[in-house]
Protein backbone atom coordinates (compact mmCIF):
# COMPACT_ATOMS: atom_id res chain seq x y z
CA MET A 1 99.84 180.02 423.18
CA THR A 2 98.38 180.75 426.52
CA ALA A 3 95.02 179.39 427.54
CA ASP A 4 93.73 183.00 427.79
CA GLY A 5 94.93 183.88 424.45
CA ALA A 6 93.35 180.72 422.73
CA ALA A 7 90.04 181.68 424.40
CA ARG A 8 90.31 185.10 423.26
CA ARG A 9 91.20 183.94 419.77
CA ALA A 10 88.25 181.53 419.75
CA ALA A 11 85.82 184.04 420.87
CA LEU A 12 86.81 186.60 418.11
CA THR A 13 86.56 183.99 415.39
CA ARG A 14 83.26 182.96 416.59
CA SER A 15 81.88 186.44 416.79
CA ALA A 16 82.98 187.13 413.12
CA ALA A 17 81.46 183.87 412.06
CA TRP A 18 77.98 184.60 413.81
CA ALA A 19 78.27 188.13 412.28
CA SER A 20 78.60 187.00 408.75
CA ILE A 21 75.53 184.58 409.37
CA ALA A 22 73.38 187.59 410.42
CA VAL A 23 74.24 189.65 407.51
CA ALA A 24 73.75 186.67 405.19
CA LEU A 25 70.30 186.07 406.56
CA PHE A 26 69.31 189.85 406.12
CA LEU A 27 70.83 189.92 402.61
CA ALA A 28 69.20 186.98 401.46
CA ALA A 29 65.63 188.27 402.57
CA ILE A 30 66.04 191.58 400.96
CA LYS A 31 67.58 190.28 397.92
CA GLY A 32 65.00 187.62 397.67
CA TRP A 33 62.21 190.43 397.50
CA ALA A 34 64.26 192.33 395.06
CA THR A 35 64.85 189.48 392.69
CA TRP A 36 60.90 188.68 392.75
CA ARG A 37 60.12 192.43 392.05
CA THR A 38 62.91 193.13 389.17
CA GLY A 39 63.30 189.55 387.53
CA SER A 40 67.08 190.48 386.97
CA THR A 41 69.53 187.84 386.51
CA ALA A 42 72.15 189.85 388.02
CA MET A 43 70.21 190.31 391.12
CA LEU A 44 69.33 186.72 391.04
CA GLY A 45 73.16 186.01 391.00
CA SER A 46 73.80 188.13 393.73
CA LEU A 47 70.87 186.51 395.73
CA VAL A 48 72.28 182.84 395.10
CA ASP A 49 75.78 184.09 396.14
CA THR A 50 74.39 185.57 399.36
CA ALA A 51 72.45 182.12 400.06
CA LEU A 52 75.59 180.15 399.53
CA ASP A 53 77.44 182.66 401.67
CA LEU A 54 74.93 181.81 404.46
CA VAL A 55 75.76 177.90 404.10
CA ALA A 56 79.47 178.77 403.90
CA SER A 57 79.45 181.14 406.83
CA LEU A 58 77.54 178.13 409.02
CA ALA A 59 80.57 175.88 407.67
CA THR A 60 83.01 178.68 408.86
CA LEU A 61 81.24 178.74 412.36
CA ALA A 62 81.66 174.75 412.41
CA GLY A 63 85.33 175.21 411.30
CA VAL A 64 86.45 177.81 413.64
CA TRP A 65 84.47 176.17 416.51
CA ILE A 66 86.34 172.81 415.99
CA ALA A 67 89.65 174.35 415.11
CA ALA A 68 89.65 175.96 418.73
CA MET A 69 89.37 172.82 420.42
CA PRO A 70 92.59 172.04 422.36
CA ALA A 71 94.77 168.96 421.30
CA ASP A 72 93.50 165.58 422.58
CA GLU A 73 94.58 162.05 422.62
CA ASP A 74 93.46 161.57 418.97
CA HIS A 75 94.55 164.81 417.65
CA ARG A 76 97.93 165.65 419.15
CA PHE A 77 98.63 168.44 416.75
CA GLY A 78 95.14 170.09 417.72
CA HIS A 79 92.33 170.64 415.20
CA GLY A 80 93.59 173.68 413.32
CA LYS A 81 92.99 172.04 409.91
CA ALA A 82 89.24 172.14 410.37
CA GLU A 83 89.52 175.86 409.08
CA ALA A 84 91.02 174.76 406.05
CA LEU A 85 88.64 172.10 405.33
CA ALA A 86 85.87 174.52 405.91
CA ALA A 87 87.54 176.95 403.49
CA ILE A 88 87.58 174.20 400.88
CA PHE A 89 83.88 173.61 401.46
CA GLN A 90 83.14 177.18 400.89
CA VAL A 91 85.17 177.18 397.54
CA MET A 92 83.04 174.28 396.32
CA LEU A 93 79.99 176.32 397.03
CA ILE A 94 81.41 179.50 395.32
CA ALA A 95 82.00 177.20 392.18
CA LEU A 96 78.57 175.73 392.01
CA SER A 97 76.92 179.19 392.51
CA ALA A 98 79.12 180.70 389.68
CA ALA A 99 78.05 177.68 387.38
CA GLY A 100 74.27 178.46 388.21
CA ILE A 101 74.57 182.01 387.66
CA ALA A 102 76.27 181.49 384.26
CA PHE A 103 73.58 179.18 383.11
CA ARG A 104 70.80 181.44 384.00
CA ALA A 105 72.66 184.40 382.43
CA ILE A 106 73.03 182.41 379.23
CA ALA A 107 69.20 181.40 379.07
CA HIS A 108 68.30 185.18 379.50
CA LEU A 109 70.76 186.22 376.50
CA VAL A 110 68.94 183.58 374.38
CA GLU A 111 65.65 184.49 375.52
CA GLY A 112 66.03 188.29 375.94
CA THR A 113 64.44 188.60 378.98
CA GLN A 114 64.11 192.21 380.41
CA THR A 115 64.19 193.36 384.13
CA ALA A 116 61.56 195.65 386.00
CA ALA A 117 61.35 197.86 389.15
CA ALA A 118 64.99 198.88 388.79
CA GLY A 119 64.76 201.52 391.43
CA GLU A 120 63.66 198.86 394.02
CA GLY A 121 66.58 196.69 392.90
CA ILE A 122 69.01 199.64 393.31
CA ALA A 123 67.98 200.54 396.71
CA VAL A 124 68.19 196.86 398.06
CA SER A 125 71.60 196.93 396.58
CA LEU A 126 72.68 199.99 398.21
CA VAL A 127 71.37 198.63 401.64
CA ALA A 128 73.41 195.51 400.86
CA ILE A 129 76.72 197.40 400.15
CA ALA A 130 76.22 199.25 403.55
CA ALA A 131 75.64 196.10 405.55
CA THR A 132 78.44 194.25 403.87
CA PHE A 133 81.14 197.13 404.40
CA ALA A 134 80.19 196.65 408.22
CA LEU A 135 80.65 193.10 408.13
CA ILE A 136 83.89 193.20 406.13
CA ALA A 137 85.52 195.74 408.64
CA TRP A 138 84.63 193.49 411.56
CA GLN A 139 86.13 190.51 409.67
CA ARG A 140 89.35 192.38 408.90
CA HIS A 141 89.66 193.15 412.61
CA VAL A 142 89.37 189.75 413.63
CA ILE A 143 91.62 188.29 410.78
CA ARG A 144 94.37 190.76 412.06
CA ARG A 145 94.29 189.61 415.49
CA THR A 146 93.68 185.92 414.76
CA GLY A 147 95.05 185.05 411.35
CA SER A 148 92.02 182.81 410.98
CA LEU A 149 92.02 180.95 407.54
CA ALA A 150 88.33 180.28 407.47
CA ILE A 151 87.31 183.93 408.36
CA ARG A 152 89.64 185.08 405.59
CA THR A 153 87.94 182.98 403.28
CA ASP A 154 84.53 183.80 404.46
CA SER A 155 85.53 187.41 403.90
CA VAL A 156 86.40 186.76 400.26
CA HIS A 157 82.72 186.11 399.59
CA TYR A 158 81.64 189.41 401.07
CA GLN A 159 84.36 191.30 399.37
CA SER A 160 83.12 190.00 396.20
CA ASP A 161 79.64 190.94 397.16
CA LEU A 162 80.55 194.71 397.04
CA LEU A 163 81.20 194.16 393.40
CA LEU A 164 78.28 192.09 392.93
CA ASN A 165 75.95 194.72 394.10
CA LEU A 166 77.71 197.32 392.14
CA ALA A 167 77.25 195.17 389.13
CA VAL A 168 73.65 194.68 389.90
CA ILE A 169 73.22 198.52 389.94
CA ALA A 170 75.17 198.95 386.60
CA ALA A 171 72.95 196.05 385.00
CA LEU A 172 69.69 197.54 386.34
CA VAL A 173 70.57 201.20 385.11
CA LEU A 174 71.84 199.91 381.75
CA ASP A 175 69.00 197.66 381.30
CA GLN A 176 65.96 199.98 382.27
CA TYR A 177 67.31 203.44 381.67
CA LEU A 178 69.41 203.23 378.82
CA GLY A 179 67.57 200.30 376.90
CA LEU A 180 70.61 197.80 377.00
CA SER A 181 68.77 194.72 377.23
CA ARG A 182 71.58 192.42 376.98
CA ALA A 183 73.44 194.10 380.09
CA ASP A 184 71.74 192.41 382.73
CA PRO A 185 72.72 188.60 381.61
CA LEU A 186 76.14 189.99 380.65
CA PHE A 187 76.68 191.39 384.05
CA GLY A 188 75.44 188.12 385.35
CA LEU A 189 78.20 186.24 383.31
CA ALA A 190 80.88 188.54 384.60
CA ILE A 191 79.77 187.92 388.18
CA ALA A 192 79.98 184.11 387.51
CA GLY A 193 83.56 184.69 386.36
CA TRP A 194 84.47 186.79 389.34
CA LEU A 195 83.15 184.14 391.64
CA LEU A 196 85.24 181.45 389.98
CA TRP A 197 88.45 183.65 390.19
CA GLY A 198 87.67 184.29 393.96
CA ALA A 199 87.21 180.55 394.51
CA TRP A 200 90.40 179.70 392.93
CA ARG A 201 92.32 182.37 394.94
CA ALA A 202 90.48 181.36 398.27
CA GLY A 203 91.12 177.61 397.66
CA SER A 204 94.95 177.80 397.11
CA GLU A 205 95.88 178.62 400.90
CA ALA A 206 93.48 176.02 402.22
CA VAL A 207 95.10 173.37 400.00
CA ASP A 208 98.65 174.47 400.91
CA GLN A 209 97.76 173.96 404.51
CA ILE A 210 96.12 170.60 403.97
CA MET A 211 99.20 169.61 401.91
CA ASP A 212 101.60 170.77 404.65
CA ARG A 213 103.22 173.32 402.24
CA GLU A 214 106.42 174.97 403.57
CA TRP A 215 106.30 178.51 404.73
CA PRO A 216 106.76 181.42 402.46
CA GLU A 217 110.37 182.04 401.78
CA GLU A 218 110.38 185.38 403.24
CA LYS A 219 108.92 183.92 406.58
CA ARG A 220 111.23 180.94 406.47
CA GLN A 221 114.29 183.12 405.96
CA ARG A 222 113.36 185.49 408.83
CA PHE A 223 113.22 182.27 411.10
CA VAL A 224 116.75 181.13 409.95
CA GLU A 225 118.17 184.67 410.69
CA LEU A 226 116.67 184.49 414.23
CA ALA A 227 118.11 181.29 414.90
CA ALA A 228 121.49 182.30 413.47
CA ARG A 229 121.78 185.02 416.09
CA HIS A 230 122.81 182.29 418.61
CA PRO A 231 126.53 181.50 418.30
CA GLU A 232 126.11 178.25 420.04
CA LEU A 233 124.49 176.50 417.19
CA SER A 234 125.85 175.55 413.99
CA ASN A 235 124.81 173.61 411.02
CA LEU A 236 120.99 174.08 411.14
CA HIS A 237 119.51 171.40 408.85
CA ASP A 238 116.33 169.25 408.02
CA LEU A 239 114.34 172.51 408.72
CA ARG A 240 110.65 171.74 408.18
CA THR A 241 107.90 174.20 408.62
CA ARG A 242 103.98 174.14 408.15
CA SER A 243 100.93 175.77 409.30
CA SER A 244 97.44 174.41 410.59
CA GLY A 245 94.61 177.05 411.18
CA THR A 246 96.73 179.97 413.08
CA ARG A 247 99.37 177.55 414.53
CA ASP A 248 102.79 177.06 412.95
CA PHE A 249 104.97 173.87 413.50
CA VAL A 250 108.55 173.96 413.05
CA GLN A 251 111.32 171.35 413.53
CA PHE A 252 114.99 171.26 412.55
CA HIS A 253 118.26 169.54 413.62
CA VAL A 254 121.29 171.49 414.85
CA ASP A 255 124.90 170.65 415.68
CA LEU A 256 126.52 170.91 419.12
CA PRO A 257 129.93 169.93 420.19
CA GLY A 258 129.83 166.07 421.25
CA THR A 259 131.57 167.12 424.54
CA THR A 260 128.50 169.12 425.65
CA THR A 261 126.75 167.77 428.57
CA VAL A 262 123.05 166.88 428.36
CA ALA A 263 122.20 169.60 431.04
CA ALA A 264 124.24 172.19 429.03
CA ALA A 265 122.77 171.01 425.72
CA HIS A 266 119.24 171.31 427.24
CA ALA A 267 119.92 174.90 428.60
CA ILE A 268 120.99 176.13 425.35
CA ILE A 269 118.02 174.75 423.41
CA GLU A 270 115.68 176.04 426.06
CA ARG A 271 117.36 179.54 425.42
CA VAL A 272 116.92 179.16 421.67
CA GLU A 273 113.22 178.08 421.97
CA ALA A 274 112.17 180.95 424.18
CA ASP A 275 113.77 183.39 421.73
CA LEU A 276 112.39 182.00 418.72
CA CYS A 277 108.81 181.53 420.30
CA ARG A 278 108.86 185.02 421.39
CA HIS A 279 109.22 186.08 417.84
CA PHE A 280 106.78 183.48 416.59
CA PRO A 281 104.06 183.16 419.44
CA GLU A 282 101.82 180.81 417.66
CA MET A 283 104.66 178.25 416.95
CA GLU A 284 105.17 174.78 418.22
CA LEU A 285 108.93 174.17 417.90
CA LEU A 286 110.84 170.96 418.00
CA ILE A 287 114.72 170.96 417.99
CA HIS A 288 116.77 167.80 417.53
CA ILE A 289 120.47 167.84 418.54
CA ASP A 290 123.36 166.31 416.58
CA PRO A 291 126.86 165.68 417.67
CA ARG A 292 129.16 168.05 415.58
CA GLY A 293 130.09 166.32 412.39
CA HIS A 294 127.36 163.88 412.41
CA VAL A 295 125.36 163.33 409.12
CA ASP A 296 121.90 162.19 409.15
CA ASP A 297 121.20 161.20 405.57
CA PRO A 298 124.24 161.35 403.33
CA GLY A 299 123.30 162.73 399.77
CA ASN A 300 119.95 164.10 400.71
CA PRO A 301 120.09 167.89 400.21
CA LEU A 302 116.56 168.35 401.99
CA VAL A 303 118.00 166.97 405.13
CA GLU A 304 121.67 167.91 405.00
CA ALA A 305 121.32 171.47 403.58
CA ASP A 306 122.96 173.93 406.20
CA GLU A 307 120.32 176.81 406.45
CA PHE A 308 123.08 179.05 408.20
CA GLU A 309 125.42 178.55 405.00
CA LYS A 310 122.50 179.19 402.65
CA LEU A 311 121.68 182.41 404.67
CA GLY A 312 125.27 183.53 404.14
CA LYS A 313 125.21 182.78 400.55
CA ASP A 314 121.94 184.66 400.27
CA ALA A 315 123.44 187.66 402.11
CA GLY A 316 126.66 187.66 399.83
């Protein structure tokens, strides 16, 4: 990635993080007032979620800021995993908020508490939906341009907020206008369950990055297909892939004839790297050359499996 490209990506991710902080502050203020006016458990759940969204957005800002820092002597692979750490922190907050909302909802079910001032609560929820739609639209633009994991996880909160606000409206209508007094706490429990499900989904990708999980099979196979277009290469093996933030890291061994000179081998690998990096612009690539017929680790299928041969079998 060029310095200009990295700077543009950093500016976009920071703009999305600042936007989410501004929206969270606005929503927390109006939902706090609406919770005081209505006494709604569902509205309280939405308020708690927004307050934690604010904290999570601050963590997102810190994560994308650190992830944008260039590699240094202590972090030769860059700081991309700061985004995954920010995402994990957000997931913990989501889980805590879900537990708190569920506890409050169960208490209201037992006590039989009823809401008030439903019209004001509904109006606030409609304003929150409009503000959230605008934020999500900007986040999606930034995600398309940068692939930021931290922004994607932050966006999960606000996507769930759309459903939360709709649930609040439904709960208030059922409770105040249709006389279903248990609707509000039941919707609160449903909101808590939805938040836990969102936390599980959002946490999976962050854990994958921290654990250096291999690329998805489709992406990995596309990489091998592109490498196979170079007839000079044979027996591509010990292929390892991982992602850190928006950066991809790939390394593999490949066979060349033992009589190939160092200069000729270097020229071949340079052409291969340029081609592959053109298709995967966010990738850092390391290629190791073996003399044809050399065996690195006999009996180890993870090392010796020929990716070109596997590709041919899959195609067959």
